[in-house]
Structures are given as C-alpha cells and as structure tokens.
Amino acid sequence: MSPPRLTGALRSFSTVSKQDDLKQDIYDLKGSLHEKSHADGLTWQKIVQFFTQHLEKKDQPVATLELKNILQAAKQISRRLY
C-alpha cells in the first residue's frame, strides 16, 4: 500500500500564498464584542447596582472604591487603544 499524497492537503491548509488581513479580523472581533455587550445589556449602572444589592453595608465602601479603580483603569486602557 502506498502512502497518502500530501500535496493536496498542503495546498489546502497552507497559508503561504494567502494574505491575511489581520486589521480586518481585529475590527470584526471588536464589532462582535460590541454587539454582544449591547445584546447582554450590561452597563456600568447595572454593575454598581449588582454590587450594592448583593453586598453587606459594611463591605460596600470597599467595593465602591474598587469599582472606581476599575473604572479608572478602563478609561486609561480605552485612551491607549484609541
């Protein structure tokens, strides 16, 4: 029995001749994430409300401080991306 020919498989799965458009892939991923976040309806207000409802009163000031830190970090990241 002769071994299988690999030339067809190599041509099919080879990316040597294919030009990848990585920027377009990134834009597509960002767009799909943006659409998904809108579909979920997750907002900053809902996150804060969740923390205030599910934490005890004594833990809320610490959680509020951490949420402010997260918001600051997110703003810094978004400034770097755009």
N, C-alpha and C. Protein backbone atom coordinates (compact mmCIF):
# COMPACT_ATOMS: atom_id res chain seq x y z
N MET A 1 0.85 -1.17 0.00
CA MET A 1 0.00 0.00 0.00
C MET A 1 0.90 1.24 0.00
N SER A 2 0.59 2.18 -0.86
CA SER A 2 1.42 3.39 -0.96
C SER A 2 0.94 4.44 0.06
N PRO A 3 1.85 5.25 0.53
CA PRO A 3 1.47 6.28 1.50
C PRO A 3 0.58 7.34 0.84
N PRO A 4 -0.25 8.00 1.62
CA PRO A 4 -1.15 9.01 1.04
C PRO A 4 -0.37 10.22 0.53
N ARG A 5 -0.91 10.84 -0.49
CA ARG A 5 -0.26 12.03 -1.05
C ARG A 5 -0.64 13.24 -0.23
N LEU A 6 0.33 14.01 0.11
CA LEU A 6 0.11 15.16 0.98
C LEU A 6 0.05 16.49 0.24
N THR A 7 0.29 16.50 -1.05
CA THR A 7 0.36 17.78 -1.76
C THR A 7 -0.98 18.51 -1.73
N GLY A 8 -2.07 17.79 -1.90
CA GLY A 8 -3.39 18.43 -1.86
C GLY A 8 -3.67 19.03 -0.50
N ALA A 9 -3.36 18.28 0.54
CA ALA A 9 -3.58 18.78 1.90
C ALA A 9 -2.69 19.98 2.19
N LEU A 10 -1.45 19.91 1.74
CA LEU A 10 -0.56 21.04 1.96
C LEU A 10 -1.06 22.30 1.26
N ARG A 11 -1.56 22.14 0.04
CA ARG A 11 -2.09 23.29 -0.67
C ARG A 11 -3.34 23.83 0.01
N SER A 12 -4.17 22.94 0.53
CA SER A 12 -5.42 23.36 1.16
C SER A 12 -5.18 24.11 2.46
N PHE A 13 -4.24 23.64 3.24
CA PHE A 13 -4.05 24.21 4.56
C PHE A 13 -2.86 25.16 4.65
N SER A 14 -2.19 25.40 3.56
CA SER A 14 -1.02 26.27 3.57
C SER A 14 -1.46 27.72 3.49
N THR A 15 -0.80 28.57 4.24
CA THR A 15 -1.10 30.00 4.20
C THR A 15 0.03 30.78 3.55
N VAL A 16 0.86 30.10 2.80
CA VAL A 16 1.99 30.77 2.17
C VAL A 16 1.51 31.78 1.15
N SER A 17 0.54 31.42 0.35
CA SER A 17 0.06 32.32 -0.69
C SER A 17 -1.10 33.18 -0.23
N LYS A 18 -1.68 32.87 0.88
CA LYS A 18 -2.83 33.62 1.36
C LYS A 18 -2.37 34.86 2.12
N GLN A 19 -2.95 35.99 1.82
CA GLN A 19 -2.65 37.23 2.52
C GLN A 19 -3.70 37.44 3.61
N ASP A 20 -3.26 37.43 4.85
CA ASP A 20 -4.17 37.62 5.96
C ASP A 20 -4.35 39.11 6.22
N ASP A 21 -5.60 39.49 6.41
CA ASP A 21 -5.91 40.87 6.76
C ASP A 21 -6.20 40.91 8.25
N LEU A 22 -5.14 41.05 9.04
CA LEU A 22 -5.27 40.99 10.49
C LEU A 22 -6.04 42.18 11.05
N LYS A 23 -5.89 43.34 10.44
CA LYS A 23 -6.62 44.51 10.93
C LYS A 23 -8.12 44.30 10.78
N GLN A 24 -8.53 43.74 9.67
CA GLN A 24 -9.95 43.49 9.46
C GLN A 24 -10.45 42.46 10.46
N ASP A 25 -9.64 41.46 10.76
CA ASP A 25 -10.03 40.46 11.76
C ASP A 25 -10.23 41.11 13.12
N ILE A 26 -9.34 42.02 13.48
CA ILE A 26 -9.46 42.71 14.77
C ILE A 26 -10.72 43.56 14.80
N TYR A 27 -10.99 44.28 13.72
CA TYR A 27 -12.21 45.09 13.66
C TYR A 27 -13.46 44.22 13.76
N ASP A 28 -13.41 43.07 13.11
CA ASP A 28 -14.55 42.15 13.18
C ASP A 28 -14.76 41.65 14.60
N LEU A 29 -13.67 41.31 15.29
CA LEU A 29 -13.78 40.84 16.67
C LEU A 29 -14.30 41.94 17.59
N LYS A 30 -13.78 43.15 17.42
CA LYS A 30 -14.26 44.27 18.24
C LYS A 30 -15.74 44.53 17.99
N GLY A 31 -16.13 44.46 16.73
CA GLY A 31 -17.54 44.68 16.39
C GLY A 31 -18.44 43.63 16.99
N SER A 32 -18.01 42.38 16.94
CA SER A 32 -18.84 41.32 17.51
C SER A 32 -18.91 41.43 19.03
N LEU A 33 -17.80 41.82 19.68
CA LEU A 33 -17.83 42.03 21.12
C LEU A 33 -18.75 43.19 21.49
N HIS A 34 -18.70 44.24 20.68
CA HIS A 34 -19.56 45.40 20.93
C HIS A 34 -21.03 45.02 20.79
N GLU A 35 -21.36 44.28 19.74
CA GLU A 35 -22.74 43.83 19.55
C GLU A 35 -23.18 42.91 20.68
N LYS A 36 -22.29 42.04 21.12
CA LYS A 36 -22.63 41.12 22.20
C LYS A 36 -22.88 41.87 23.50
N SER A 37 -22.07 42.88 23.78
CA SER A 37 -22.26 43.64 25.01
C SER A 37 -23.58 44.41 24.97
N HIS A 38 -23.97 44.89 23.79
CA HIS A 38 -25.26 45.57 23.68
C HIS A 38 -26.41 44.57 23.81
N ALA A 39 -26.22 43.38 23.30
CA ALA A 39 -27.26 42.37 23.41
C ALA A 39 -27.46 41.94 24.86
N ASP A 40 -26.36 41.86 25.61
CA ASP A 40 -26.46 41.49 27.02
C ASP A 40 -27.05 42.62 27.84
N GLY A 41 -26.89 43.84 27.40
CA GLY A 41 -27.42 44.97 28.13
C GLY A 41 -26.65 45.29 29.39
N LEU A 42 -25.40 44.90 29.46
CA LEU A 42 -24.59 45.15 30.64
C LEU A 42 -24.09 46.59 30.61
N THR A 43 -24.43 47.33 31.65
CA THR A 43 -23.99 48.71 31.76
C THR A 43 -23.27 48.90 33.09
N TRP A 44 -22.57 50.01 33.19
CA TRP A 44 -21.86 50.31 34.43
C TRP A 44 -22.85 50.46 35.57
N GLN A 45 -24.00 51.06 35.29
CA GLN A 45 -25.02 51.24 36.32
C GLN A 45 -25.52 49.90 36.84
N LYS A 46 -25.68 48.93 35.96
CA LYS A 46 -26.12 47.60 36.39
C LYS A 46 -25.06 46.91 37.24
N ILE A 47 -23.80 47.12 36.92
CA ILE A 47 -22.72 46.53 37.71
C ILE A 47 -22.73 47.12 39.12
N VAL A 48 -22.83 48.44 39.21
CA VAL A 48 -22.86 49.11 40.52
C VAL A 48 -24.08 48.66 41.31
N GLN A 49 -25.21 48.58 40.65
CA GLN A 49 -26.44 48.15 41.31
C GLN A 49 -26.31 46.72 41.83
N PHE A 50 -25.70 45.85 41.06
CA PHE A 50 -25.50 44.47 41.49
C PHE A 50 -24.66 44.42 42.76
N PHE A 51 -23.57 45.19 42.79
CA PHE A 51 -22.71 45.20 43.98
C PHE A 51 -23.44 45.75 45.19
N THR A 52 -24.20 46.80 45.01
CA THR A 52 -24.89 47.38 46.17
C THR A 52 -26.00 46.48 46.68
N GLN A 53 -26.60 45.70 45.83
CA GLN A 53 -27.68 44.80 46.26
C GLN A 53 -27.14 43.54 46.92
N HIS A 54 -26.00 43.06 46.49
CA HIS A 54 -25.52 41.76 46.95
C HIS A 54 -24.42 41.83 48.01
N LEU A 55 -24.04 43.01 48.41
CA LEU A 55 -23.03 43.14 49.46
C LEU A 55 -23.64 43.70 50.73
N GLU A 56 -23.04 43.34 51.83
CA GLU A 56 -23.48 43.91 53.09
C GLU A 56 -23.05 45.37 53.16
N LYS A 57 -23.71 46.12 54.02
CA LYS A 57 -23.43 47.55 54.14
C LYS A 57 -21.98 47.83 54.51
N LYS A 58 -21.40 46.99 55.36
CA LYS A 58 -20.03 47.24 55.80
C LYS A 58 -19.01 47.02 54.68
N ASP A 59 -19.36 46.19 53.69
CA ASP A 59 -18.45 45.90 52.58
C ASP A 59 -18.63 46.84 51.39
N GLN A 60 -19.70 47.63 51.38
CA GLN A 60 -19.98 48.48 50.23
C GLN A 60 -18.95 49.58 49.99
N PRO A 61 -18.42 50.25 51.03
CA PRO A 61 -17.41 51.28 50.74
C PRO A 61 -16.15 50.72 50.06
N VAL A 62 -15.73 49.55 50.48
CA VAL A 62 -14.56 48.92 49.86
C VAL A 62 -14.87 48.57 48.41
N ALA A 63 -16.06 48.03 48.16
CA ALA A 63 -16.46 47.67 46.80
C ALA A 63 -16.57 48.92 45.93
N THR A 64 -17.09 50.00 46.47
CA THR A 64 -17.20 51.25 45.72
C THR A 64 -15.82 51.77 45.32
N LEU A 65 -14.88 51.69 46.24
CA LEU A 65 -13.51 52.11 45.94
C LEU A 65 -12.90 51.24 44.84
N GLU A 66 -13.12 49.95 44.92
CA GLU A 66 -12.59 49.04 43.89
C GLU A 66 -13.24 49.29 42.53
N LEU A 67 -14.54 49.57 42.52
CA LEU A 67 -15.22 49.87 41.26
C LEU A 67 -14.66 51.16 40.65
N LYS A 68 -14.36 52.14 41.48
CA LYS A 68 -13.77 53.37 40.96
C LYS A 68 -12.39 53.10 40.36
N ASN A 69 -11.62 52.24 41.00
CA ASN A 69 -10.31 51.87 40.47
C ASN A 69 -10.44 51.15 39.13
N ILE A 70 -11.42 50.27 39.04
CA ILE A 70 -11.66 49.54 37.78
C ILE A 70 -12.07 50.51 36.68
N LEU A 71 -12.92 51.47 37.02
CA LEU A 71 -13.36 52.45 36.03
C LEU A 71 -12.19 53.30 35.55
N GLN A 72 -11.32 53.71 36.45
CA GLN A 72 -10.14 54.47 36.06
C GLN A 72 -9.23 53.66 35.14
N ALA A 73 -9.02 52.40 35.48
CA ALA A 73 -8.18 51.54 34.65
C ALA A 73 -8.80 51.35 33.27
N ALA A 74 -10.11 51.18 33.21
CA ALA A 74 -10.79 51.01 31.92
C ALA A 74 -10.65 52.27 31.07
N LYS A 75 -10.75 53.43 31.69
CA LYS A 75 -10.60 54.68 30.94
C LYS A 75 -9.18 54.82 30.40
N GLN A 76 -8.19 54.44 31.20
CA GLN A 76 -6.81 54.51 30.74
C GLN A 76 -6.56 53.55 29.59
N ILE A 77 -7.12 52.37 29.68
CA ILE A 77 -6.96 51.38 28.60
C ILE A 77 -7.62 51.88 27.33
N SER A 78 -8.82 52.43 27.45
CA SER A 78 -9.53 52.89 26.25
C SER A 78 -8.80 54.07 25.61
N ARG A 79 -8.15 54.92 26.40
CA ARG A 79 -7.36 56.01 25.82
C ARG A 79 -6.18 55.48 25.04
N ARG A 80 -5.58 54.41 25.52
CA ARG A 80 -4.41 53.83 24.84
C ARG A 80 -4.82 53.14 23.54
N LEU A 81 -6.01 52.56 23.51
CA LEU A 81 -6.45 51.85 22.31
C LEU A 81 -6.86 52.80 21.20
N TYR A 82 -7.38 53.95 21.56
CA TYR A 82 -7.86 54.87 20.53
C TYR A 82 -7.02 56.07 20.55
